[in-house]
């Protein structure tokens, strides 16, 4: 299975250049059956990342460009009366019949429309007119939002932010990577060279194996102590929830798997802790007055809580 992981990363790197660490973390999130929020400035490759993963993983892919006039029914579907059948017929929405949904610029639509994704993301189903419609397995949302140009945007509610396994930033490339990007983008279809590495069933198999990996009690205890420390820290008003602690464990297993191990170490937890938790906490007024951001505070927690000696 590790060869497949290596092949996936190599394929994505053909179009997302110089960002191996981010590629690995997006892959970890998918293996952990989690949703990803890419939060960064325009033009750094957020959409490219999502499209590339859809093609390389052999997933049914769909995209919705969020704007103020997108309705909840566009996402979850709606019922329409069929005169011939004398009954209401369900018309699927964007989340139906897809494995990977790119929710582009999710912060540019209404709160009501954003909330329409909640059930789909958490329960892997949608309910329309009292009827439940299961979604495909796997079902992963990669959402993007820009940090600039706030006019016409709606902040994601904390309840929805908590549904994302990780919040990641791609960042600007270095000089060498920027040169490679310029050269590579001279072709019309930059995705043409991508190969399908695994099937959907193969991905599900990897996901199931990933979540069954060994995690010793001392690692579980380490995760619990970090979560509790976040709730007791004076710089944090709202700490990591039990759902967040579970998310840390799932992402840590995926981190170990991508690194070629079948067991989790404390270092795996440290490697993904900030990505999993930065969007789940709310800073206190004291922290905001001191000019701290979530990453600063979470880094402090990692320094305070002792790591277990063995993995």
Protein backbone atom coordinates (compact mmCIF):
# COMPACT_ATOMS: atom_id res chain seq x y z
CA UNK A 1 0.00 0.00 0.00
CA UNK A 2 2.86 2.40 0.70
CA UNK A 3 3.94 2.27 -2.97
CA UNK A 4 0.46 3.49 -3.89
CA UNK A 5 0.83 6.36 -1.41
CA UNK A 6 4.15 7.31 -2.97
CA UNK A 7 2.66 7.10 -6.48
CA UNK A 8 -0.28 9.32 -5.50
CA UNK A 9 2.02 12.01 -4.10
CA UNK A 10 4.27 11.86 -7.18
CA UNK A 11 1.29 12.32 -9.51
CA UNK A 12 -0.13 15.28 -7.58
CA UNK A 13 3.31 16.92 -7.57
CA UNK A 14 3.12 17.10 -11.38
CA UNK A 15 0.62 19.96 -11.09
CA UNK A 16 1.03 21.13 -7.46
CA UNK A 17 4.73 21.92 -7.51
CA UNK A 18 6.96 22.35 -4.48
CA UNK A 19 4.25 21.61 -1.90
CA UNK A 20 4.92 18.00 -0.83
CA UNK A 21 4.05 18.64 2.82
CA UNK A 22 0.61 20.10 1.96
CA UNK A 23 -0.06 17.30 -0.55
CA UNK A 24 0.73 14.72 2.13
CA UNK A 25 -1.62 16.37 4.62
CA UNK A 26 -4.49 16.53 2.11
CA UNK A 27 -3.92 12.83 1.37
CA UNK A 28 -3.82 12.07 5.11
CA UNK A 29 -7.16 13.83 5.53
CA UNK A 30 -8.74 11.83 2.71
CA UNK A 31 -7.38 8.57 4.14
CA UNK A 32 -8.84 9.56 7.53
CA UNK A 33 -12.24 10.14 5.83
CA UNK A 34 -12.09 13.82 6.73
CA UNK A 35 -12.99 17.06 4.99
CA UNK A 36 -10.41 19.69 4.11
CA UNK A 37 -10.59 23.49 4.30
CA UNK A 38 -7.96 25.22 2.14
CA UNK A 39 -7.68 28.76 3.44
CA UNK A 40 -5.26 30.93 1.52
CA UNK A 41 -4.84 33.88 -0.82
CA UNK A 42 -6.05 33.63 -4.43
CA UNK A 43 -3.92 31.94 -7.06
CA UNK A 44 -1.76 29.58 -4.99
CA UNK A 45 -3.30 26.36 -6.30
CA UNK A 46 -6.24 25.50 -4.03
CA UNK A 47 -8.55 24.49 -6.88
CA UNK A 48 -5.70 22.77 -8.72
CA UNK A 49 -5.05 20.65 -5.65
CA UNK A 50 -8.67 19.50 -5.42
CA UNK A 51 -9.04 18.70 -9.13
CA UNK A 52 -5.75 16.77 -9.16
CA UNK A 53 -6.75 14.57 -6.23
CA UNK A 54 -10.08 13.78 -7.87
CA UNK A 55 -8.35 12.57 -11.03
CA UNK A 56 -5.48 10.68 -9.40
CA UNK A 57 -7.72 8.86 -6.89
CA UNK A 58 -10.26 7.82 -9.51
CA UNK A 59 -13.15 9.52 -7.72
CA UNK A 60 -16.43 10.83 -9.09
CA UNK A 61 -15.79 14.55 -8.90
CA UNK A 62 -18.13 17.52 -8.70
CA UNK A 63 -17.69 21.22 -8.12
CA UNK A 64 -19.88 24.04 -6.95
CA UNK A 65 -18.82 27.67 -7.21
CA UNK A 66 -20.35 29.38 -4.20
CA UNK A 67 -21.91 32.78 -4.83
CA UNK A 68 -24.55 34.73 -2.88
CA UNK A 69 -27.36 33.33 -5.05
CA UNK A 70 -26.54 29.63 -4.51
CA UNK A 71 -29.45 27.98 -2.67
CA UNK A 72 -29.48 25.04 -0.22
CA UNK A 73 -31.50 23.05 -2.77
CA UNK A 74 -28.61 23.41 -5.23
CA UNK A 75 -26.53 21.39 -2.78
CA UNK A 76 -28.90 18.80 -1.30
CA UNK A 77 -31.48 18.59 -4.10
CA UNK A 78 -35.24 19.15 -4.05
CA UNK A 79 -38.56 17.41 -4.73
CA UNK A 80 -40.68 18.25 -7.76
CA UNK A 81 -44.19 17.06 -8.53
CA UNK A 82 -44.41 14.60 -11.43
CA UNK A 83 -47.86 14.71 -13.05
CA UNK A 84 -47.44 11.37 -14.83
CA UNK A 85 -46.54 9.54 -11.61
CA UNK A 86 -48.85 11.70 -9.48
CA UNK A 87 -46.12 11.95 -6.87
CA UNK A 88 -43.10 13.99 -5.90
CA UNK A 89 -39.78 12.98 -7.45
CA UNK A 90 -36.41 13.73 -5.87
CA UNK A 91 -34.02 15.75 -8.01
CA UNK A 92 -30.43 15.24 -6.78
CA UNK A 93 -28.19 18.13 -5.78
CA UNK A 94 -24.47 18.72 -6.14
CA UNK A 95 -23.51 16.39 -3.28
CA UNK A 96 -25.29 13.40 -4.80
CA UNK A 97 -23.47 10.90 -7.02
CA UNK A 98 -20.04 12.28 -6.18
CA UNK A 99 -17.10 11.17 -4.05
CA UNK A 100 -15.12 14.39 -4.01
CA UNK A 101 -16.89 17.74 -3.86
CA UNK A 102 -14.97 20.95 -4.41
CA UNK A 103 -16.81 23.70 -2.56
CA UNK A 104 -15.06 26.67 -4.15
CA UNK A 105 -15.02 29.93 -2.16
CA UNK A 106 -17.41 28.55 0.43
CA UNK A 107 -17.36 31.83 2.36
CA UNK A 108 -19.01 33.70 -0.53
CA UNK A 109 -22.48 32.23 0.01
CA UNK A 110 -25.14 32.68 2.67
CA UNK A 111 -25.00 31.07 6.11
CA UNK A 112 -28.12 29.09 5.25
CA UNK A 113 -26.47 27.59 2.18
CA UNK A 114 -23.28 26.86 4.11
CA UNK A 115 -25.35 25.03 6.73
CA UNK A 116 -26.90 22.84 4.02
CA UNK A 117 -23.55 21.05 3.82
CA UNK A 118 -23.55 20.16 7.54
CA UNK A 119 -25.60 16.95 7.35
CA UNK A 120 -23.80 15.81 4.20
CA UNK A 121 -20.38 16.33 5.79
CA UNK A 122 -21.22 14.76 9.15
CA UNK A 123 -23.76 12.04 8.34
CA UNK A 124 -22.85 11.26 4.70
CA UNK A 125 -26.51 11.74 3.77
CA UNK A 126 -29.04 14.45 3.01
CA UNK A 127 -32.66 14.72 4.12
CA UNK A 128 -35.15 16.35 1.76
CA UNK A 129 -38.87 16.51 2.60
CA UNK A 130 -38.38 13.95 5.35
CA UNK A 131 -36.67 11.38 3.11
CA UNK A 132 -33.05 10.35 3.66
CA UNK A 133 -30.77 10.06 0.64
CA UNK A 134 -27.40 8.36 1.33
CA UNK A 135 -24.30 9.74 -0.35
CA UNK A 136 -21.58 7.75 -2.09
CA UNK A 137 -18.71 6.18 -0.16
CA UNK A 138 -16.29 7.81 0.18
CA UNK A 139 -17.64 11.35 0.35
CA UNK A 140 -15.03 14.06 0.86
CA UNK A 141 -15.45 17.84 0.75
CA UNK A 142 -12.50 20.04 -0.18
CA UNK A 143 -13.60 23.60 0.48
CA UNK A 144 -11.63 26.72 -0.39
CA UNK A 145 -11.85 30.22 0.96
CA UNK A 146 -9.74 33.33 0.36
CA UNK A 147 -8.20 35.43 3.10
CA UNK A 148 -8.54 38.65 1.10
CA UNK A 149 -11.46 40.40 -0.55
CA UNK A 150 -13.93 40.14 2.33
CA UNK A 151 -16.70 42.07 0.56
CA UNK A 152 -19.68 39.79 0.11
CA UNK A 153 -18.29 37.00 2.27
CA UNK A 154 -19.88 35.15 5.21
CA UNK A 155 -17.70 33.73 7.96
CA UNK A 156 -18.15 29.99 8.40
CA UNK A 157 -20.00 29.26 11.66
CA UNK A 158 -17.95 27.43 14.29
CA UNK A 159 -20.25 24.39 14.04
CA UNK A 160 -19.34 23.99 10.38
CA UNK A 161 -15.65 24.69 10.87
CA UNK A 162 -15.63 21.82 13.36
CA UNK A 163 -16.77 19.46 10.58
CA UNK A 164 -13.51 20.01 8.69
CA UNK A 165 -10.80 17.60 9.76
CA UNK A 166 -8.03 20.05 8.89
CA UNK A 167 -7.52 23.64 7.86
CA UNK A 168 -4.51 24.07 5.59
CA UNK A 169 -2.72 26.87 3.76
CA UNK A 170 -0.74 26.16 0.60
CA UNK A 171 1.47 29.25 0.67
CA UNK A 172 3.55 30.89 -2.03
CA UNK A 173 6.18 28.81 -3.89
CA UNK A 174 9.91 29.40 -3.66
CA UNK A 175 11.88 30.70 -6.66
CA UNK A 176 12.71 27.30 -8.15
CA UNK A 177 9.14 26.05 -7.75
CA UNK A 178 7.76 29.28 -9.23
CA UNK A 179 9.97 28.82 -12.29
CA UNK A 180 8.74 25.24 -12.72
CA UNK A 181 5.12 26.39 -12.39
CA UNK A 182 5.57 29.04 -15.07
CA UNK A 183 7.11 26.50 -17.46
CA UNK A 184 4.48 23.84 -16.72
CA UNK A 185 1.56 26.23 -17.22
CA UNK A 186 2.49 26.94 -20.84
CA UNK A 187 0.40 23.92 -21.90
CA UNK A 188 -3.37 24.18 -22.35
CA UNK A 189 -4.41 21.26 -20.13
CA UNK A 190 -2.08 20.97 -17.16
CA UNK A 191 -4.00 17.92 -15.91
CA UNK A 192 -3.48 15.89 -19.10
CA UNK A 193 -0.36 14.21 -17.74
CA UNK A 194 -2.01 12.93 -14.57
CA UNK A 195 -2.56 9.19 -14.20
CA UNK A 196 -5.24 7.41 -12.21
CA UNK A 197 -3.24 5.62 -9.48
CA UNK A 198 -5.96 3.70 -7.62
CA UNK A 199 -9.65 2.92 -7.91
CA UNK A 200 -12.39 4.14 -5.59
CA UNK A 201 -12.59 0.67 -4.02
CA UNK A 202 -8.83 0.71 -3.53
CA UNK A 203 -9.08 4.03 -1.72
CA UNK A 204 -11.83 2.70 0.58
CA UNK A 205 -9.61 -0.27 1.39
CA UNK A 206 -6.77 2.09 2.30
CA UNK A 207 -9.11 4.20 4.45
CA UNK A 208 -10.33 1.16 6.37
CA UNK A 209 -6.79 -0.07 6.93
CA UNK A 210 -5.67 3.37 8.05
CA UNK A 211 -8.29 3.66 10.80
CA UNK A 212 -7.52 0.14 12.07
CA UNK A 213 -3.87 0.92 12.79
CA UNK A 214 -2.33 0.43 16.22
CA UNK A 215 -2.48 3.28 18.71
CA UNK A 216 -1.10 2.54 22.17
CA UNK A 217 -2.74 3.83 25.32
CA UNK A 218 0.09 6.28 25.98
CA UNK A 219 -0.62 7.95 22.63
CA UNK A 220 -4.35 8.05 23.35
CA UNK A 221 -3.52 9.59 26.73
CA UNK A 222 -1.25 12.15 25.05
CA UNK A 223 -4.08 13.24 22.74
CA UNK A 224 -6.50 13.47 25.68
CA UNK A 225 -4.04 15.55 27.70
CA UNK A 226 -3.55 17.97 24.80
CA UNK A 227 -7.31 18.37 24.39
CA UNK A 228 -7.84 18.98 28.11
CA UNK A 229 -4.90 21.40 28.24
CA UNK A 230 -6.56 23.45 25.48
CA UNK A 231 -9.73 23.73 27.60
CA UNK A 232 -7.77 24.91 30.63
CA UNK A 233 -5.41 27.34 28.91
CA UNK A 234 -6.16 31.01 29.82
CA UNK A 235 -5.36 32.04 26.24
CA UNK A 236 -8.13 29.82 24.86
CA UNK A 237 -11.81 30.62 25.36
CA UNK A 238 -13.14 27.49 23.62
CA UNK A 239 -10.86 24.46 23.59
CA UNK A 240 -10.66 21.28 21.54
CA UNK A 241 -13.94 19.34 21.72
CA UNK A 242 -14.25 15.55 22.08
CA UNK A 243 -14.93 15.46 18.32
CA UNK A 244 -11.68 17.35 17.84
CA UNK A 245 -9.76 14.82 19.96
CA UNK A 246 -11.14 11.99 17.82
CA UNK A 247 -10.10 13.93 14.73
CA UNK A 248 -6.54 14.17 16.08
CA UNK A 249 -6.42 10.39 16.52
CA UNK A 250 -7.71 9.72 12.99
CA UNK A 251 -5.29 12.18 11.40
CA UNK A 252 -2.36 10.83 13.44
CA UNK A 253 -3.10 7.32 12.14
CA UNK A 254 -3.16 8.64 8.59
CA UNK A 255 0.14 10.44 9.23
CA UNK A 256 1.75 7.18 10.36
CA UNK A 257 0.33 5.34 7.35
CA UNK A 258 1.64 7.89 4.85
CA UNK A 259 5.06 7.65 6.54
CA UNK A 260 5.02 3.87 6.00
CA UNK A 261 4.26 2.66 9.55
CA UNK A 262 1.40 0.62 11.01
CA UNK A 263 1.59 2.24 14.45
CA UNK A 264 1.21 5.81 15.72
CA UNK A 265 3.92 7.76 17.53
CA UNK A 266 3.72 10.94 19.57
CA UNK A 267 5.57 12.69 16.75
CA UNK A 268 2.67 11.88 14.41
CA UNK A 269 0.35 13.66 16.84
CA UNK A 270 2.63 16.69 16.97
CA UNK A 271 2.94 16.83 13.17
CA UNK A 272 -0.81 17.20 12.63
CA UNK A 273 -1.99 18.83 15.89
CA UNK A 274 -2.05 22.45 14.69
CA UNK A 275 -3.66 21.57 11.32
CA UNK A 276 -6.47 19.69 13.08
CA UNK A 277 -7.05 22.17 15.91
CA UNK A 278 -6.32 25.71 14.71
CA UNK A 279 -9.87 26.18 13.37
CA UNK A 280 -11.52 24.44 16.34
CA UNK A 281 -10.42 26.77 19.12
CA UNK A 282 -11.46 30.32 19.97
CA UNK A 283 -8.83 32.56 21.50
CA UNK A 284 -9.49 34.55 24.64
CA UNK A 285 -9.49 38.33 24.70
CA UNK A 286 -6.11 38.24 26.40
CA UNK A 287 -4.60 36.24 23.53
CA UNK A 288 -6.10 38.56 20.94
CA UNK A 289 -4.79 41.64 22.76
CA UNK A 290 -1.33 40.08 22.80
CA UNK A 291 -1.56 39.61 19.02
CA UNK A 292 -1.38 35.82 19.14
CA UNK A 293 -2.93 33.55 16.55
CA UNK A 294 -4.19 29.96 17.06
CA UNK A 295 -0.93 28.46 15.78
CA UNK A 296 1.09 30.37 18.38
CA UNK A 297 -1.14 29.19 21.23
CA UNK A 298 -1.27 25.58 20.04
CA UNK A 299 2.51 25.51 19.66
CA UNK A 300 2.69 26.61 23.29
CA UNK A 301 0.45 23.70 24.30
CA UNK A 302 2.75 21.24 22.52
CA UNK A 303 5.64 22.63 24.53
CA UNK A 304 3.75 22.39 27.85
CA UNK A 305 2.31 18.87 27.54
CA UNK A 306 4.93 16.15 27.96
CA UNK A 307 5.34 13.65 25.16
CA UNK A 308 5.24 9.95 26.00
CA UNK A 309 8.64 8.25 25.83
CA UNK A 310 7.51 5.48 23.47
CA UNK A 311 5.23 5.36 20.43
